[in-house]
PDB file of all heavy atoms in Angstrom:
ATOM      1  N   LEU A   1     208.026 115.555 182.727  1.00  0.00           N
ATOM      2  CA  LEU A   1     208.961 114.835 182.025  1.00  0.00           C
ATOM      3  C   LEU A   1     209.200 113.488 182.702  1.00  0.00           C
ATOM      4  O   LEU A   1     208.931 113.308 183.906  1.00  0.00           O
ATOM      5  CB  LEU A   1     210.430 115.551 181.998  1.00  0.00           C
ATOM      6  CG  LEU A   1     210.614 116.779 181.129  1.00  0.00           C
ATOM      7  CD1 LEU A   1     211.884 117.361 181.427  1.00  0.00           C
ATOM      8  CD2 LEU A   1     210.494 116.341 179.634  1.00  0.00           C
ATOM      9  N   ARG A   2     209.695 112.508 181.957  1.00  0.00           N
ATOM     10  CA  ARG A   2     210.124 111.211 182.489  1.00  0.00           C
ATOM     11  C   ARG A   2     211.531 110.993 182.135  1.00  0.00           C
ATOM     12  O   ARG A   2     211.841 110.744 180.990  1.00  0.00           O
ATOM     13  CB  ARG A   2     209.132 110.022 181.997  1.00  0.00           C
ATOM     14  CG  ARG A   2     209.402 108.813 182.788  1.00  0.00           C
ATOM     15  CD  ARG A   2     208.678 107.635 182.191  1.00  0.00           C
ATOM     16  NE  ARG A   2     208.652 106.564 183.057  1.00  0.00           N
ATOM     17  CZ  ARG A   2     208.240 105.206 182.684  1.00  0.00           C
ATOM     18  NH1 ARG A   2     207.965 104.998 181.442  1.00  0.00           N
ATOM     19  NH2 ARG A   2     208.239 104.300 183.592  1.00  0.00           N
ATOM     20  N   LEU A   3     212.283 110.991 183.155  1.00  0.00           N
ATOM     21  CA  LEU A   3     213.732 110.711 182.950  1.00  0.00           C
ATOM     22  C   LEU A   3     214.080 109.168 183.095  1.00  0.00           C
ATOM     23  O   LEU A   3     213.413 108.558 183.901  1.00  0.00           O
ATOM     24  CB  LEU A   3     214.643 111.426 183.953  1.00  0.00           C
ATOM     25  CG  LEU A   3     214.448 112.988 184.053  1.00  0.00           C
ATOM     26  CD1 LEU A   3     215.351 113.589 185.021  1.00  0.00           C
ATOM     27  CD2 LEU A   3     214.463 113.652 182.723  1.00  0.00           C
ATOM     28  N   SER A   4     214.917 108.814 182.340  1.00  0.00           N
ATOM     29  CA  SER A   4     215.309 107.253 182.416  1.00  0.00           C
ATOM     30  C   SER A   4     216.880 107.162 182.582  1.00  0.00           C
ATOM     31  O   SER A   4     217.601 108.018 182.174  1.00  0.00           O
ATOM     32  CB  SER A   4     214.897 106.482 181.172  1.00  0.00           C
ATOM     33  OG  SER A   4     213.575 106.536 181.018  1.00  0.00           O
ATOM     34  N   CYS A   5     217.264 106.175 183.339  1.00  0.00           N
ATOM     35  CA  CYS A   5     218.646 105.891 183.529  1.00  0.00           C
ATOM     36  C   CYS A   5     218.884 104.332 183.302  1.00  0.00           C
ATOM     37  O   CYS A   5     218.397 103.489 183.922  1.00  0.00           O
ATOM     38  CB  CYS A   5     218.930 106.119 185.082  1.00  0.00           C
ATOM     39  SG  CYS A   5     220.687 105.706 185.522  1.00  0.00           S
ATOM     40  N   ALA A   6     219.620 104.086 182.247  1.00  0.00           N
ATOM     41  CA  ALA A   6     219.960 102.758 181.822  1.00  0.00           C
ATOM     42  C   ALA A   6     221.269 102.286 182.371  1.00  0.00           C
ATOM     43  O   ALA A   6     222.270 103.120 182.248  1.00  0.00           O
ATOM     44  CB  ALA A   6     219.906 102.696 180.332  1.00  0.00           C
ATOM     45  N   ALA A   7     221.332 101.207 183.063  1.00  0.00           N
ATOM     46  CA  ALA A   7     222.593 100.729 183.631  1.00  0.00           C
ATOM     47  C   ALA A   7     223.115  99.553 182.911  1.00  0.00           C
ATOM     48  O   ALA A   7     222.501  98.719 182.415  1.00  0.00           O
ATOM     49  CB  ALA A   7     222.293 100.386 185.187  1.00  0.00           C
ATOM     50  N   SER A   8     224.409  99.346 182.918  1.00  0.00           N
ATOM     51  CA  SER A   8     225.121  98.239 182.476  1.00  0.00           C
ATOM     52  C   SER A   8     226.286  97.842 183.353  1.00  0.00           C
ATOM     53  O   SER A   8     226.760  98.797 184.132  1.00  0.00           O
ATOM     54  CB  SER A   8     225.565  98.519 181.052  1.00  0.00           C
ATOM     55  OG  SER A   8     226.537  99.477 180.880  1.00  0.00           O
ATOM     56  N   GLY A   9     226.705  96.649 183.340  1.00  0.00           N
ATOM     57  CA  GLY A   9     227.829  96.194 184.173  1.00  0.00           C
ATOM     58  C   GLY A   9     227.363  95.169 185.271  1.00  0.00           C
ATOM     59  O   GLY A   9     226.623  94.272 184.991  1.00  0.00           O
ATOM     60  N   ARG A  10     227.733  95.572 186.482  1.00  0.00           N
ATOM     61  CA  ARG A  10     227.403  94.665 187.566  1.00  0.00           C
ATOM     62  C   ARG A  10     225.868  94.532 187.708  1.00  0.00           C
ATOM     63  O   ARG A  10     225.106  95.448 187.338  1.00  0.00           O
ATOM     64  CB  ARG A  10     228.118  95.138 188.858  1.00  0.00           C
ATOM     65  CG  ARG A  10     229.667  95.062 188.748  1.00  0.00           C
ATOM     66  CD  ARG A  10     230.260  95.484 190.052  1.00  0.00           C
ATOM     67  NE  ARG A  10     229.988  94.513 191.207  1.00  0.00           N
ATOM     68  CZ  ARG A  10     230.337  94.685 192.436  1.00  0.00           C
ATOM     69  NH1 ARG A  10     230.935  95.664 192.775  1.00  0.00           N
ATOM     70  NH2 ARG A  10     229.897  93.867 193.373  1.00  0.00           N
ATOM     71  N   PRO A  11     225.418  93.548 188.436  1.00  0.00           N
ATOM     72  CA  PRO A  11     223.965  93.390 188.660  1.00  0.00           C
ATOM     73  C   PRO A  11     223.294  94.713 189.190  1.00  0.00           C
ATOM     74  O   PRO A  11     223.607  95.119 190.232  1.00  0.00           O
ATOM     75  CB  PRO A  11     223.877  92.186 189.710  1.00  0.00           C
ATOM     76  CG  PRO A  11     225.046  91.389 189.244  1.00  0.00           C
ATOM     77  CD  PRO A  11     226.134  92.386 189.008  1.00  0.00           C
ATOM     78  N   PHE A  12     222.419  95.118 188.449  1.00  0.00           N
ATOM     79  CA  PHE A  12     221.764  96.411 188.621  1.00  0.00           C
ATOM     80  C   PHE A  12     221.001  96.365 189.996  1.00  0.00           C
ATOM     81  O   PHE A  12     221.039  97.327 190.813  1.00  0.00           O
ATOM     82  CB  PHE A  12     220.760  96.723 187.560  1.00  0.00           C
ATOM     83  CG  PHE A  12     219.962  97.965 187.712  1.00  0.00           C
ATOM     84  CD1 PHE A  12     220.469  99.119 187.692  1.00  0.00           C
ATOM     85  CD2 PHE A  12     218.584  97.801 187.990  1.00  0.00           C
ATOM     86  CE1 PHE A  12     219.747 100.291 187.808  1.00  0.00           C
ATOM     87  CE2 PHE A  12     217.815  98.919 188.058  1.00  0.00           C
ATOM     88  CZ  PHE A  12     218.373 100.150 188.102  1.00  0.00           C
ATOM     89  N   SER A  13     220.336  95.230 190.261  1.00  0.00           N
ATOM     90  CA  SER A  13     219.480  95.087 191.449  1.00  0.00           C
ATOM     91  C   SER A  13     220.245  95.301 192.740  1.00  0.00           C
ATOM     92  O   SER A  13     219.695  95.455 193.837  1.00  0.00           O
ATOM     93  CB  SER A  13     218.612  93.923 191.457  1.00  0.00           C
ATOM     94  OG  SER A  13     219.405  92.752 191.557  1.00  0.00           O
ATOM     95  N   ARG A  14     221.603  95.152 192.735  1.00  0.00           N
ATOM     96  CA  ARG A  14     222.386  95.159 194.054  1.00  0.00           C
ATOM     97  C   ARG A  14     222.567  96.691 194.490  1.00  0.00           C
ATOM     98  O   ARG A  14     223.058  96.824 195.557  1.00  0.00           O
ATOM     99  CB  ARG A  14     223.672  94.508 193.763  1.00  0.00           C
ATOM    100  CG  ARG A  14     223.766  93.051 193.548  1.00  0.00           C
ATOM    101  CD  ARG A  14     225.049  92.549 193.406  1.00  0.00           C
ATOM    102  NE  ARG A  14     225.041  91.043 193.259  1.00  0.00           N
ATOM    103  CZ  ARG A  14     225.117  90.187 194.251  1.00  0.00           C
ATOM    104  NH1 ARG A  14     225.317  90.653 195.428  1.00  0.00           N
ATOM    105  NH2 ARG A  14     225.075  88.809 194.029  1.00  0.00           N
ATOM    106  N   TYR A  15     222.213  97.639 193.687  1.00  0.00           N
ATOM    107  CA  TYR A  15     222.570  98.997 194.073  1.00  0.00           C
ATOM    108  C   TYR A  15     221.355  99.820 194.511  1.00  0.00           C
ATOM    109  O   TYR A  15     220.288  99.624 193.970  1.00  0.00           O
ATOM    110  CB  TYR A  15     223.207  99.712 192.779  1.00  0.00           C
ATOM    111  CG  TYR A  15     224.588  99.234 192.431  1.00  0.00           C
ATOM    112  CD1 TYR A  15     224.677  98.199 191.601  1.00  0.00           C
ATOM    113  CD2 TYR A  15     225.664  99.817 193.057  1.00  0.00           C
ATOM    114  CE1 TYR A  15     225.937  97.641 191.244  1.00  0.00           C
ATOM    115  CE2 TYR A  15     226.987  99.276 192.636  1.00  0.00           C
ATOM    116  CZ  TYR A  15     227.039  98.236 191.747  1.00  0.00           C
ATOM    117  OH  TYR A  15     228.288  97.800 191.349  1.00  0.00           O
ATOM    118  N   VAL A  16     221.604 100.679 195.454  1.00  0.00           N
ATOM    119  CA  VAL A  16     220.674 101.801 195.780  1.00  0.00           C
ATOM    120  C   VAL A  16     220.882 102.721 194.739  1.00  0.00           C
ATOM    121  O   VAL A  16     221.977 103.098 194.286  1.00  0.00           O
ATOM    122  CB  VAL A  16     220.895 102.374 197.145  1.00  0.00           C
ATOM    123  CG1 VAL A  16     219.996 103.536 197.323  1.00  0.00           C
ATOM    124  CG2 VAL A  16     220.718 101.348 198.215  1.00  0.00           C
ATOM    125  N   MET A  17     219.732 103.291 194.103  1.00  0.00           N
ATOM    126  CA  MET A  17     219.839 104.211 193.053  1.00  0.00           C
ATOM    127  C   MET A  17     219.331 105.590 193.478  1.00  0.00           C
ATOM    128  O   MET A  17     218.384 105.614 194.297  1.00  0.00           O
ATOM    129  CB  MET A  17     219.083 103.714 191.819  1.00  0.00           C
ATOM    130  CG  MET A  17     219.512 102.384 191.333  1.00  0.00           C
ATOM    131  SD  MET A  17     221.284 102.316 190.696  1.00  0.00           S
ATOM    132  CE  MET A  17     221.176 103.560 189.296  1.00  0.00           C
ATOM    133  N   GLY A  18     219.874 106.588 192.914  1.00  0.00           N
ATOM    134  CA  GLY A  18     219.503 107.966 193.302  1.00  0.00           C
ATOM    135  C   GLY A  18     219.363 108.884 192.028  1.00  0.00           C
ATOM    136  O   GLY A  18     220.158 108.625 191.079  1.00  0.00           O
ATOM    137  N   TRP A  19     218.529 109.853 192.157  1.00  0.00           N
ATOM    138  CA  TRP A  19     218.469 110.996 191.335  1.00  0.00           C
ATOM    139  C   TRP A  19     218.932 112.239 192.033  1.00  0.00           C
ATOM    140  O   TRP A  19     218.413 112.489 193.041  1.00  0.00           O
ATOM    141  CB  TRP A  19     217.175 111.147 190.611  1.00  0.00           C
ATOM    142  CG  TRP A  19     216.783 110.184 189.598  1.00  0.00           C
ATOM    143  CD1 TRP A  19     216.095 109.050 189.701  1.00  0.00           C
ATOM    144  CD2 TRP A  19     217.202 110.273 188.218  1.00  0.00           C
ATOM    145  NE1 TRP A  19     215.938 108.410 188.486  1.00  0.00           N
ATOM    146  CE2 TRP A  19     216.647 109.164 187.563  1.00  0.00           C
ATOM    147  CE3 TRP A  19     217.919 111.171 187.396  1.00  0.00           C
ATOM    148  CZ2 TRP A  19     216.746 108.854 186.201  1.00  0.00           C
ATOM    149  CZ3 TRP A  19     218.088 110.881 186.084  1.00  0.00           C
ATOM    150  CH2 TRP A  19     217.541 109.734 185.475  1.00  0.00           C
ATOM    151  N   PHE A  20     219.939 112.968 191.505  1.00  0.00           N
ATOM    152  CA  PHE A  20     220.376 114.263 191.972  1.00  0.00           C
ATOM    153  C   PHE A  20     220.263 115.270 190.946  1.00  0.00           C
ATOM    154  O   PHE A  20     220.017 114.975 189.740  1.00  0.00           O
ATOM    155  CB  PHE A  20     221.840 114.069 192.406  1.00  0.00           C
ATOM    156  CG  PHE A  20     222.046 113.144 193.391  1.00  0.00           C
ATOM    157  CD1 PHE A  20     222.100 111.785 193.223  1.00  0.00           C
ATOM    158  CD2 PHE A  20     222.283 113.566 194.731  1.00  0.00           C
ATOM    159  CE1 PHE A  20     222.284 110.873 194.314  1.00  0.00           C
ATOM    160  CE2 PHE A  20     222.552 112.727 195.834  1.00  0.00           C
ATOM    161  CZ  PHE A  20     222.487 111.309 195.526  1.00  0.00           C
ATOM    162  N   ARG A  21     220.280 116.542 191.332  1.00  0.00           N
ATOM    163  CA  ARG A  21     220.195 117.607 190.373  1.00  0.00           C
ATOM    164  C   ARG A  21     221.247 118.759 190.807  1.00  0.00           C
ATOM    165  O   ARG A  21     221.487 118.872 191.991  1.00  0.00           O
ATOM    166  CB  ARG A  21     218.859 118.121 190.071  1.00  0.00           C
ATOM    167  CG  ARG A  21     218.248 118.877 191.344  1.00  0.00           C
ATOM    168  CD  ARG A  21     216.724 119.136 191.131  1.00  0.00           C
ATOM    169  NE  ARG A  21     216.086 119.829 192.270  1.00  0.00           N
ATOM    170  CZ  ARG A  21     214.848 119.964 192.478  1.00  0.00           C
ATOM    171  NH1 ARG A  21     214.018 119.650 191.450  1.00  0.00           N
ATOM    172  NH2 ARG A  21     214.408 120.552 193.544  1.00  0.00           N
ATOM    173  N   GLN A  22     221.656 119.513 189.808  1.00  0.00           N
ATOM    174  CA  GLN A  22     222.602 120.538 190.076  1.00  0.00           C
ATOM    175  C   GLN A  22     222.305 121.644 189.155  1.00  0.00           C
ATOM    176  O   GLN A  22     222.344 121.542 187.990  1.00  0.00           O
ATOM    177  CB  GLN A  22     224.005 120.098 189.926  1.00  0.00           C
ATOM    178  CG  GLN A  22     225.010 121.155 190.360  1.00  0.00           C
ATOM    179  CD  GLN A  22     226.473 120.523 190.364  1.00  0.00           C
ATOM    180  OE1 GLN A  22     226.821 119.579 189.780  1.00  0.00           O
ATOM    181  NE2 GLN A  22     227.232 121.227 191.160  1.00  0.00           N
ATOM    182  N   ALA A  23     221.856 122.822 189.819  1.00  0.00           N
ATOM    183  CA  ALA A  23     221.562 124.037 189.071  1.00  0.00           C
ATOM    184  C   ALA A  23     222.926 124.871 188.894  1.00  0.00           C
ATOM    185  O   ALA A  23     223.772 124.699 189.749  1.00  0.00           O
ATOM    186  CB  ALA A  23     220.444 124.838 189.736  1.00  0.00           C
ATOM    187  N   PRO A  24     222.958 125.707 187.908  1.00  0.00           N
ATOM    188  CA  PRO A  24     224.149 126.532 187.847  1.00  0.00           C
ATOM    189  C   PRO A  24     224.469 127.271 189.146  1.00  0.00           C
ATOM    190  O   PRO A  24     223.645 128.005 189.677  1.00  0.00           O
ATOM    191  CB  PRO A  24     223.728 127.494 186.667  1.00  0.00           C
ATOM    192  CG  PRO A  24     222.719 126.702 185.854  1.00  0.00           C
ATOM    193  CD  PRO A  24     221.979 125.917 186.840  1.00  0.00           C
ATOM    194  N   GLY A  25     225.694 127.180 189.527  1.00  0.00           N
ATOM    195  CA  GLY A  25     226.098 127.892 190.757  1.00  0.00           C
ATOM    196  C   GLY A  25     225.662 127.325 192.040  1.00  0.00           C
ATOM    197  O   GLY A  25     225.892 127.815 193.118  1.00  0.00           O
ATOM    198  N   LYS A  26     224.950 126.139 191.947  1.00  0.00           N
ATOM    199  CA  LYS A  26     224.439 125.540 193.231  1.00  0.00           C
ATOM    200  C   LYS A  26     225.161 124.198 193.406  1.00  0.00           C
ATOM    201  O   LYS A  26     225.738 123.594 192.531  1.00  0.00           O
ATOM    202  CB  LYS A  26     222.952 125.354 193.010  1.00  0.00           C
ATOM    203  CG  LYS A  26     222.155 126.523 192.800  1.00  0.00           C
ATOM    204  CD  LYS A  26     222.216 127.606 193.919  1.00  0.00           C
ATOM    205  CE  LYS A  26     221.297 128.750 193.666  1.00  0.00           C
ATOM    206  NZ  LYS A  26     221.406 129.762 194.799  1.00  0.00           N
ATOM    207  N   GLU A  27     225.031 123.743 194.620  1.00  0.00           N
ATOM    208  CA  GLU A  27     225.533 122.406 195.003  1.00  0.00           C
ATOM    209  C   GLU A  27     224.571 121.361 194.449  1.00  0.00           C
ATOM    210  O   GLU A  27     223.389 121.468 194.292  1.00  0.00           O
ATOM    211  CB  GLU A  27     225.622 122.256 196.516  1.00  0.00           C
ATOM    212  CG  GLU A  27     226.681 123.249 197.146  1.00  0.00           C
ATOM    213  CD  GLU A  27     228.080 122.894 196.838  1.00  0.00           C
ATOM    214  OE1 GLU A  27     228.406 121.727 196.688  1.00  0.00           O
ATOM    215  OE2 GLU A  27     228.837 123.926 196.681  1.00  0.00           O
ATOM    216  N   ARG A  28     225.160 120.123 194.149  1.00  0.00           N
ATOM    217  CA  ARG A  28     224.408 119.094 193.791  1.00  0.00           C
ATOM    218  C   ARG A  28     223.538 118.569 194.949  1.00  0.00           C
ATOM    219  O   ARG A  28     224.090 118.408 196.066  1.00  0.00           O
ATOM    220  CB  ARG A  28     225.308 117.902 193.299  1.00  0.00           C
ATOM    221  CG  ARG A  28     224.643 116.818 192.562  1.00  0.00           C
ATOM    222  CD  ARG A  28     225.510 115.803 191.938  1.00  0.00           C
ATOM    223  NE  ARG A  28     226.243 116.494 190.858  1.00  0.00           N
ATOM    224  CZ  ARG A  28     227.181 115.891 190.013  1.00  0.00           C
ATOM    225  NH1 ARG A  28     227.437 114.639 190.126  1.00  0.00           N
ATOM    226  NH2 ARG A  28     227.923 116.656 189.142  1.00  0.00           N
ATOM    227  N   GLU A  29     222.287 118.272 194.702  1.00  0.00           N
ATOM    228  CA  GLU A  29     221.347 118.004 195.751  1.00  0.00           C
ATOM    229  C   GLU A  29     220.546 116.684 195.325  1.00  0.00           C
ATOM    230  O   GLU A  29     220.310 116.476 194.262  1.00  0.00           O
ATOM    231  CB  GLU A  29     220.463 119.093 196.070  1.00  0.00           C
ATOM    232  CG  GLU A  29     219.536 119.477 194.962  1.00  0.00           C
ATOM    233  CD  GLU A  29     218.549 120.625 195.419  1.00  0.00           C
ATOM    234  OE1 GLU A  29     218.564 121.080 196.457  1.00  0.00           O
ATOM    235  OE2 GLU A  29     217.703 120.978 194.484  1.00  0.00           O
ATOM    236  N   VAL A  30     220.240 115.974 196.395  1.00  0.00           N
ATOM    237  CA  VAL A  30     219.418 114.809 196.203  1.00  0.00           C
ATOM    238  C   VAL A  30     218.038 115.084 195.784  1.00  0.00           C
ATOM    239  O   VAL A  30     217.454 116.069 196.406  1.00  0.00           O
ATOM    240  CB  VAL A  30     219.418 113.832 197.465  1.00  0.00           C
ATOM    241  CG1 VAL A  30     218.847 114.493 198.638  1.00  0.00           C
ATOM    242  CG2 VAL A  30     218.801 112.478 197.100  1.00  0.00           C
ATOM    243  N   VAL A  31     217.500 114.305 194.944  1.00  0.00           N
ATOM    244  CA  VAL A  31     216.119 114.536 194.528  1.00  0.00           C
ATOM    245  C   VAL A  31     215.219 113.305 195.084  1.00  0.00           C
ATOM    246  O   VAL A  31     214.296 113.509 195.734  1.00  0.00           O
ATOM    247  CB  VAL A  31     215.883 114.557 193.016  1.00  0.00           C
ATOM    248  CG1 VAL A  31     214.472 114.655 192.648  1.00  0.00           C
ATOM    249  CG2 VAL A  31     216.554 115.891 192.480  1.00  0.00           C
ATOM    250  N   ALA A  32     215.792 112.137 194.802  1.00  0.00           N
ATOM    251  CA  ALA A  32     215.092 110.973 195.308  1.00  0.00           C
ATOM    252  C   ALA A  32     215.957 109.717 195.298  1.00  0.00           C
ATOM    253  O   ALA A  32     216.956 109.766 194.443  1.00  0.00           O
ATOM    254  CB  ALA A  32     213.849 110.686 194.370  1.00  0.00           C
ATOM    255  N   THR A  33     215.785 108.738 196.106  1.00  0.00           N
ATOM    256  CA  THR A  33     216.504 107.483 196.068  1.00  0.00           C
ATOM    257  C   THR A  33     215.524 106.303 196.117  1.00  0.00           C
ATOM    258  O   THR A  33     214.397 106.445 196.678  1.00  0.00           O
ATOM    259  CB  THR A  33     217.443 107.425 197.212  1.00  0.00           C
ATOM    260  OG1 THR A  33     216.792 107.313 198.461  1.00  0.00           O
ATOM    261  CG2 THR A  33     218.469 108.596 197.193  1.00  0.00           C
ATOM    262  N   ILE A  34     216.020 105.127 195.753  1.00  0.00           N
ATOM    263  CA  ILE A  34     215.246 103.945 195.777  1.00  0.00           C
ATOM    264  C   ILE A  34     216.128 102.828 196.080  1.00  0.00           C
ATOM    265  O   ILE A  34     217.236 102.711 195.548  1.00  0.00           O
ATOM    266  CB  ILE A  34     214.395 103.783 194.514  1.00  0.00           C
ATOM    267  CG1 ILE A  34     213.489 102.656 194.559  1.00  0.00           C
ATOM    268  CG2 ILE A  34     215.419 103.542 193.362  1.00  0.00           C
ATOM    269  CD1 ILE A  34     212.481 102.599 193.459  1.00  0.00           C
ATOM    270  N   ASN A  35     215.705 101.962 196.962  1.00  0.00           N
ATOM    271  CA  ASN A  35     216.527 100.731 197.352  1.00  0.00           C
ATOM    272  C   ASN A  35     216.464  99.688 196.353  1.00  0.00           C
ATOM    273  O   ASN A  35     215.828  99.834 195.401  1.00  0.00           O
ATOM    274  CB  ASN A  35     216.106 100.269 198.798  1.00  0.00           C
ATOM    275  CG  ASN A  35     214.906  99.409 198.790  1.00  0.00           C
ATOM    276  OD1 ASN A  35     214.099  99.418 197.908  1.00  0.00           O
ATOM    277  ND2 ASN A  35     214.788  98.500 199.760  1.00  0.00           N
ATOM    278  N   TRP A  36     217.182  98.652 196.605  1.00  0.00           N
ATOM    279  CA  TRP A  36     217.385  97.557 195.609  1.00  0.00           C
ATOM    280  C   TRP A  36     216.153  96.936 195.245  1.00  0.00           C
ATOM    281  O   TRP A  36     215.954  96.446 194.000  1.00  0.00           O
ATOM    282  CB  TRP A  36     218.294  96.511 196.291  1.00  0.00           C
ATOM    283  CG  TRP A  36     217.733  95.673 197.381  1.00  0.00           C
ATOM    284  CD1 TRP A  36     217.838  96.038 198.687  1.00  0.00           C
ATOM    285  CD2 TRP A  36     217.047  94.588 197.367  1.00  0.00           C
ATOM    286  NE1 TRP A  36     217.121  95.158 199.494  1.00  0.00           N
ATOM    287  CE2 TRP A  36     216.593  94.166 198.701  1.00  0.00           C
ATOM    288  CE3 TRP A  36     216.549  93.667 196.237  1.00  0.00           C
ATOM    289  CZ2 TRP A  36     215.928  92.994 198.962  1.00  0.00           C
ATOM    290  CZ3 TRP A  36     215.835  92.602 196.521  1.00  0.00           C
ATOM    291  CH2 TRP A  36     215.451  92.229 197.887  1.00  0.00           C
ATOM    292  N   SER A  37     215.136  96.780 196.042  1.00  0.00           N
ATOM    293  CA  SER A  37     213.949  96.120 195.720  1.00  0.00           C
ATOM    294  C   SER A  37     212.840  97.080 195.265  1.00  0.00           C
ATOM    295  O   SER A  37     211.803  96.653 194.674  1.00  0.00           O
ATOM    296  CB  SER A  37     213.352  95.335 196.966  1.00  0.00           C
ATOM    297  OG  SER A  37     212.853  96.242 197.966  1.00  0.00           O
ATOM    298  N   GLY A  38     213.049  98.381 195.464  1.00  0.00           N
ATOM    299  CA  GLY A  38     212.047  99.403 195.110  1.00  0.00           C
ATOM    300  C   GLY A  38     211.017  99.586 196.253  1.00  0.00           C
ATOM    301  O   GLY A  38     210.149 100.514 196.052  1.00  0.00           O
ATOM    302  N   ALA A  39     211.164  98.906 197.311  1.00  0.00           N
ATOM    303  CA  ALA A  39     210.179  98.945 198.408  1.00  0.00           C
ATOM    304  C   ALA A  39     210.436 100.220 199.221  1.00  0.00           C
ATOM    305  O   ALA A  39     209.339 100.718 199.832  1.00  0.00           O
ATOM    306  CB  ALA A  39     210.292  97.762 199.304  1.00  0.00           C
ATOM    307  N   THR A  40     211.503 100.824 199.187  1.00  0.00           N
ATOM    308  CA  THR A  40     211.851 101.972 200.023  1.00  0.00           C
ATOM    309  C   THR A  40     212.221 103.114 199.155  1.00  0.00           C
ATOM    310  O   THR A  40     213.255 102.900 198.400  1.00  0.00           O
ATOM    311  CB  THR A  40     212.952 101.646 201.084  1.00  0.00           C
ATOM    312  OG1 THR A  40     212.533 100.609 201.957  1.00  0.00           O
ATOM    313  CG2 THR A  40     213.152 102.882 201.997  1.00  0.00           C
TER     314      THR A  40
END
């Protein structure tokens, strides 16, 4: 699958972005993060 996240509001590039997931009965956990430039 390819998930997309569309942002609006303040300048998007200023934020570190992350994907998290939460299964039933489980804690929310980090999947991946990416810095403002995409380099990290």
